[in-house]
Protein backbone atom coordinates (compact mmCIF):
# COMPACT_ATOMS: atom_id res chain seq x y z
CA UNK A 1 44.30 -189.17 -15.73
CA UNK A 2 47.05 -191.77 -16.02
CA UNK A 3 48.44 -190.66 -12.64
CA UNK A 4 45.06 -191.27 -11.00
CA UNK A 5 44.56 -187.65 -9.91
CA UNK A 6 41.57 -187.28 -12.23
CA UNK A 7 39.04 -190.10 -12.23
CA UNK A 8 37.45 -191.23 -15.48
CA UNK A 9 35.85 -194.22 -17.11
CA UNK A 10 35.47 -195.24 -20.75
CA UNK A 11 32.12 -196.67 -21.77
CA UNK A 12 32.04 -198.88 -24.85
CA UNK A 13 30.10 -201.80 -26.18
CA UNK A 14 31.66 -205.22 -26.56
CA UNK A 15 34.03 -205.41 -29.58
CA UNK A 16 33.82 -201.64 -30.06
CA UNK A 17 37.21 -199.94 -30.49
CA UNK A 18 36.26 -196.47 -29.31
CA UNK A 19 33.96 -195.46 -26.51
CA UNK A 20 32.83 -192.41 -24.59
CA UNK A 21 35.09 -191.14 -21.80
CA UNK A 22 33.34 -189.76 -18.74
CA UNK A 23 35.34 -187.62 -16.31
CA UNK A 24 34.47 -187.14 -12.65
CA UNK A 25 33.87 -183.39 -12.21
CA UNK A 26 34.81 -183.28 -8.52
CA UNK A 27 38.16 -184.95 -9.22
CA UNK A 28 38.89 -182.25 -11.84
CA UNK A 29 37.99 -179.51 -9.35
CA UNK A 30 40.19 -181.10 -6.69
CA UNK A 31 43.08 -181.40 -9.16
CA UNK A 32 42.82 -177.75 -10.21
CA UNK A 33 42.60 -176.65 -6.58
CA UNK A 34 45.72 -178.65 -5.73
CA UNK A 35 47.63 -177.03 -8.62
CA UNK A 36 46.75 -173.47 -7.59
CA UNK A 37 49.48 -172.02 -5.33
CA UNK A 38 48.22 -170.63 -2.02
CA UNK A 39 44.64 -171.71 -2.61
CA UNK A 40 42.43 -173.08 0.12
CA UNK A 41 39.48 -175.42 -0.15
CA UNK A 42 36.32 -173.52 -0.94
CA UNK A 43 32.77 -174.55 -0.19
CA UNK A 44 31.15 -177.34 -2.19
CA UNK A 45 28.78 -174.83 -3.80
CA UNK A 46 31.08 -174.21 -6.80
């Protein structure tokens, strides 16, 4: 996530130390696809 390949956001209330991290599912799928040798883009119906 720190490299920007996987998109996420942390939701927290003002003055709250910890929040809830939400991760964009499509960015995770794209990242995994890019890491798989010889793979090609599949249809969006995954």
